[in-house]
N, C-alpha and C. Protein backbone atom coordinates (compact mmCIF):
# COMPACT_ATOMS: atom_id res chain seq x y z
N MET A 1 -11.83 -55.27 -61.39
CA MET A 1 -12.12 -54.98 -60.01
C MET A 1 -12.30 -53.50 -59.77
N ALA A 2 -13.24 -53.14 -58.91
CA ALA A 2 -13.49 -51.76 -58.56
C ALA A 2 -12.55 -51.31 -57.48
N LYS A 3 -12.21 -50.03 -57.47
CA LYS A 3 -11.33 -49.50 -56.48
C LYS A 3 -12.05 -49.44 -55.13
N GLU A 4 -11.36 -49.82 -54.07
CA GLU A 4 -11.94 -49.69 -52.73
C GLU A 4 -11.73 -48.28 -52.18
N SER A 5 -12.71 -47.80 -51.45
CA SER A 5 -12.57 -46.54 -50.83
C SER A 5 -11.87 -46.70 -49.54
N VAL A 6 -10.62 -46.23 -49.45
CA VAL A 6 -9.81 -46.38 -48.28
C VAL A 6 -9.34 -45.00 -47.82
N GLY A 7 -9.36 -44.81 -46.54
CA GLY A 7 -8.88 -43.51 -46.01
C GLY A 7 -9.83 -42.92 -45.00
N LEU A 8 -9.50 -41.75 -44.53
CA LEU A 8 -10.26 -41.11 -43.48
C LEU A 8 -11.45 -40.32 -44.00
N LYS A 9 -11.42 -39.97 -45.31
CA LYS A 9 -12.45 -39.16 -45.83
C LYS A 9 -13.87 -39.71 -45.60
N GLY A 10 -13.99 -41.00 -45.70
CA GLY A 10 -15.29 -41.61 -45.54
C GLY A 10 -15.69 -41.70 -44.05
N THR A 11 -14.79 -41.57 -43.14
CA THR A 11 -15.09 -41.76 -41.72
C THR A 11 -15.30 -40.39 -41.00
N LEU A 12 -14.73 -39.36 -41.53
CA LEU A 12 -14.82 -38.06 -40.86
C LEU A 12 -15.89 -37.19 -41.50
N GLY A 13 -16.45 -36.35 -40.67
CA GLY A 13 -17.45 -35.40 -41.17
C GLY A 13 -17.44 -34.14 -40.35
N LEU A 14 -18.16 -33.14 -40.77
CA LEU A 14 -18.24 -31.89 -40.04
C LEU A 14 -19.23 -31.98 -38.92
N ALA A 15 -18.99 -31.23 -37.88
CA ALA A 15 -19.94 -31.19 -36.79
C ALA A 15 -21.19 -30.42 -37.22
N PRO A 16 -22.30 -30.74 -36.57
CA PRO A 16 -23.54 -30.02 -36.96
C PRO A 16 -23.45 -28.53 -36.69
N LYS A 17 -24.11 -27.78 -37.44
CA LYS A 17 -24.08 -26.30 -37.29
C LYS A 17 -24.86 -25.92 -36.04
N ILE A 18 -24.29 -25.00 -35.30
CA ILE A 18 -24.90 -24.46 -34.06
C ILE A 18 -25.24 -23.02 -34.28
N ALA A 19 -26.44 -22.63 -33.98
CA ALA A 19 -26.81 -21.23 -34.10
C ALA A 19 -26.07 -20.36 -33.12
N VAL A 20 -25.52 -19.20 -33.55
CA VAL A 20 -24.78 -18.33 -32.71
C VAL A 20 -25.76 -17.28 -32.19
N LYS A 21 -25.73 -17.07 -30.86
CA LYS A 21 -26.57 -16.08 -30.26
C LYS A 21 -26.10 -14.69 -30.61
N SER A 22 -26.99 -13.86 -31.00
CA SER A 22 -26.56 -12.45 -31.27
C SER A 22 -26.92 -11.59 -30.07
N SER A 23 -26.01 -10.72 -29.73
CA SER A 23 -26.26 -9.83 -28.60
C SER A 23 -26.51 -8.42 -29.08
N THR A 24 -27.31 -7.72 -28.30
CA THR A 24 -27.57 -6.32 -28.66
C THR A 24 -26.72 -5.45 -27.81
N ILE A 25 -26.07 -4.44 -28.43
CA ILE A 25 -25.18 -3.58 -27.71
C ILE A 25 -25.84 -2.19 -27.72
N ASP A 26 -25.95 -1.60 -26.56
CA ASP A 26 -26.48 -0.23 -26.47
C ASP A 26 -25.32 0.73 -26.76
N ILE A 27 -25.34 1.26 -27.97
CA ILE A 27 -24.20 2.10 -28.39
C ILE A 27 -24.11 3.38 -27.61
N ASP A 28 -25.25 3.99 -27.32
CA ASP A 28 -25.26 5.24 -26.55
C ASP A 28 -24.66 5.03 -25.17
N LYS A 29 -25.03 3.96 -24.49
CA LYS A 29 -24.48 3.65 -23.15
C LYS A 29 -23.02 3.38 -23.24
N THR A 30 -22.59 2.63 -24.25
CA THR A 30 -21.14 2.34 -24.39
C THR A 30 -20.35 3.60 -24.64
N GLU A 31 -20.84 4.47 -25.47
CA GLU A 31 -20.12 5.75 -25.75
C GLU A 31 -20.06 6.60 -24.47
N LYS A 32 -21.13 6.63 -23.72
CA LYS A 32 -21.17 7.40 -22.48
C LYS A 32 -20.14 6.85 -21.50
N ASP A 33 -20.06 5.53 -21.36
CA ASP A 33 -19.11 4.87 -20.44
C ASP A 33 -17.67 5.16 -20.88
N VAL A 34 -17.43 5.11 -22.17
CA VAL A 34 -16.07 5.37 -22.67
C VAL A 34 -15.66 6.83 -22.40
N LYS A 35 -16.57 7.76 -22.58
CA LYS A 35 -16.29 9.18 -22.30
C LYS A 35 -16.02 9.37 -20.79
N ASN A 36 -16.80 8.70 -19.94
CA ASN A 36 -16.54 8.80 -18.51
C ASN A 36 -15.18 8.24 -18.10
N ILE A 37 -14.80 7.17 -18.68
CA ILE A 37 -13.50 6.54 -18.36
C ILE A 37 -12.37 7.49 -18.78
N HIS A 38 -12.46 8.06 -19.94
CA HIS A 38 -11.36 8.82 -20.44
C HIS A 38 -11.40 10.30 -20.06
N SER A 39 -12.49 10.74 -19.45
CA SER A 39 -12.56 12.16 -19.13
C SER A 39 -12.01 12.50 -17.76
N THR A 40 -11.81 11.47 -16.91
CA THR A 40 -11.28 11.73 -15.55
C THR A 40 -9.79 11.73 -15.57
N LYS A 41 -9.23 12.79 -16.05
CA LYS A 41 -7.77 12.92 -16.13
C LYS A 41 -7.28 13.76 -14.93
N ILE A 42 -6.29 13.20 -14.27
CA ILE A 42 -5.68 13.88 -13.15
C ILE A 42 -4.30 14.37 -13.60
N GLU A 43 -3.94 15.57 -13.24
CA GLU A 43 -2.65 16.11 -13.61
C GLU A 43 -1.60 15.37 -12.75
N LEU A 44 -0.59 14.79 -13.42
CA LEU A 44 0.40 14.00 -12.74
C LEU A 44 1.80 14.72 -12.81
N THR A 45 2.65 14.44 -11.80
CA THR A 45 4.01 14.89 -11.82
C THR A 45 4.91 13.70 -11.60
N ARG A 46 5.95 13.59 -12.34
CA ARG A 46 6.90 12.47 -12.24
C ARG A 46 7.98 12.80 -11.28
N ILE A 47 8.37 11.81 -10.45
CA ILE A 47 9.47 11.98 -9.54
C ILE A 47 10.51 10.88 -9.79
N SER A 48 11.71 11.12 -9.33
CA SER A 48 12.80 10.15 -9.46
C SER A 48 13.51 10.03 -8.11
N VAL A 49 13.78 8.84 -7.67
CA VAL A 49 14.42 8.65 -6.36
C VAL A 49 15.60 7.74 -6.50
N ASP A 50 16.74 8.16 -5.98
CA ASP A 50 17.93 7.31 -5.88
C ASP A 50 17.90 6.62 -4.53
N MET A 51 18.10 5.31 -4.54
CA MET A 51 18.12 4.58 -3.26
C MET A 51 19.15 3.45 -3.30
N PRO A 52 19.55 3.02 -2.16
CA PRO A 52 20.49 1.91 -2.10
C PRO A 52 19.89 0.65 -2.77
N LYS A 53 20.74 -0.12 -3.43
CA LYS A 53 20.31 -1.32 -4.14
C LYS A 53 19.62 -2.32 -3.20
N ALA A 54 20.16 -2.49 -1.98
CA ALA A 54 19.62 -3.43 -1.04
C ALA A 54 18.19 -3.03 -0.60
N LEU A 55 17.96 -1.70 -0.44
CA LEU A 55 16.66 -1.22 -0.04
C LEU A 55 15.66 -1.42 -1.19
N PHE A 56 16.13 -1.14 -2.42
CA PHE A 56 15.31 -1.33 -3.62
C PHE A 56 14.88 -2.80 -3.76
N LYS A 57 15.76 -3.71 -3.48
CA LYS A 57 15.49 -5.14 -3.58
C LYS A 57 14.47 -5.54 -2.59
N LYS A 58 14.58 -5.08 -1.34
CA LYS A 58 13.60 -5.36 -0.29
C LYS A 58 12.19 -4.84 -0.70
N MET A 59 12.23 -3.61 -1.24
CA MET A 59 10.94 -3.02 -1.69
C MET A 59 10.31 -3.86 -2.78
N LYS A 60 11.10 -4.31 -3.74
CA LYS A 60 10.54 -5.10 -4.86
C LYS A 60 9.98 -6.43 -4.35
N ILE A 61 10.65 -7.05 -3.35
CA ILE A 61 10.14 -8.28 -2.80
C ILE A 61 8.82 -8.05 -2.10
N LYS A 62 8.75 -6.94 -1.32
CA LYS A 62 7.54 -6.59 -0.58
C LYS A 62 6.37 -6.33 -1.53
N VAL A 63 6.58 -5.55 -2.59
CA VAL A 63 5.46 -5.27 -3.49
C VAL A 63 5.01 -6.52 -4.28
N ALA A 64 5.98 -7.37 -4.58
CA ALA A 64 5.64 -8.64 -5.23
C ALA A 64 4.80 -9.52 -4.35
N GLU A 65 5.16 -9.61 -3.03
CA GLU A 65 4.39 -10.44 -2.13
C GLU A 65 2.97 -9.87 -1.89
N ASP A 66 2.90 -8.53 -1.95
CA ASP A 66 1.57 -7.88 -1.72
C ASP A 66 0.77 -7.72 -3.03
N GLU A 67 1.36 -8.22 -4.17
CA GLU A 67 0.74 -8.13 -5.45
C GLU A 67 0.32 -6.72 -5.80
N MET A 68 1.24 -5.77 -5.68
CA MET A 68 0.98 -4.41 -6.07
C MET A 68 2.16 -3.87 -6.83
N THR A 69 1.98 -2.70 -7.40
CA THR A 69 3.05 -2.09 -8.17
C THR A 69 3.84 -1.16 -7.25
N VAL A 70 5.07 -0.86 -7.67
CA VAL A 70 5.93 0.05 -6.89
C VAL A 70 5.23 1.44 -6.81
N ARG A 71 4.62 1.85 -7.89
CA ARG A 71 3.90 3.12 -7.94
C ARG A 71 2.83 3.16 -6.86
N ASP A 72 1.96 2.09 -6.82
CA ASP A 72 0.92 2.03 -5.84
C ASP A 72 1.45 2.00 -4.41
N TYR A 73 2.56 1.29 -4.24
CA TYR A 73 3.15 1.19 -2.89
C TYR A 73 3.68 2.54 -2.44
N VAL A 74 4.38 3.25 -3.29
CA VAL A 74 4.91 4.56 -2.92
C VAL A 74 3.78 5.55 -2.66
N LEU A 75 2.77 5.54 -3.51
CA LEU A 75 1.64 6.46 -3.30
C LEU A 75 0.90 6.18 -2.01
N LYS A 76 0.79 4.85 -1.66
CA LYS A 76 0.16 4.47 -0.40
C LYS A 76 0.95 4.99 0.77
N LEU A 77 2.25 4.83 0.73
CA LEU A 77 3.15 5.32 1.83
C LEU A 77 3.05 6.83 1.96
N ILE A 78 3.03 7.55 0.87
CA ILE A 78 2.97 9.03 0.96
C ILE A 78 1.61 9.49 1.51
N GLU A 79 0.51 8.85 1.04
CA GLU A 79 -0.80 9.19 1.54
C GLU A 79 -0.95 8.92 3.02
N GLU A 80 -0.42 7.76 3.44
CA GLU A 80 -0.48 7.37 4.92
C GLU A 80 0.28 8.42 5.75
N ASP A 81 1.44 8.81 5.24
CA ASP A 81 2.25 9.74 5.99
C ASP A 81 1.61 11.12 6.07
N LEU A 82 0.99 11.58 5.00
CA LEU A 82 0.32 12.89 4.96
C LEU A 82 -0.97 12.94 5.73
N ASN A 83 -1.59 11.78 5.88
CA ASN A 83 -2.92 11.73 6.60
C ASN A 83 -2.74 11.46 8.07
N LYS A 84 -1.55 11.47 8.62
CA LYS A 84 -1.33 11.22 10.06
C LYS A 84 -1.92 12.32 10.86
């Protein structure tokens, strides 16, 4: 008696090959954009603020609800106050 072919090997196969689209990248434009992004450096100064824990918690809740960072929130408040 001949052996029967049993198993998944006979039922499974590879998917047909699909051609991958190649894209052209403008290297000069990309390098120019990278230089523009990294050349706009602003001199920064770090500050530190001590505040009551309850006030800090309220601030964190507010910035989370507004989907912003504490840094952006503080900068916005300072700019609004100075531009009055």
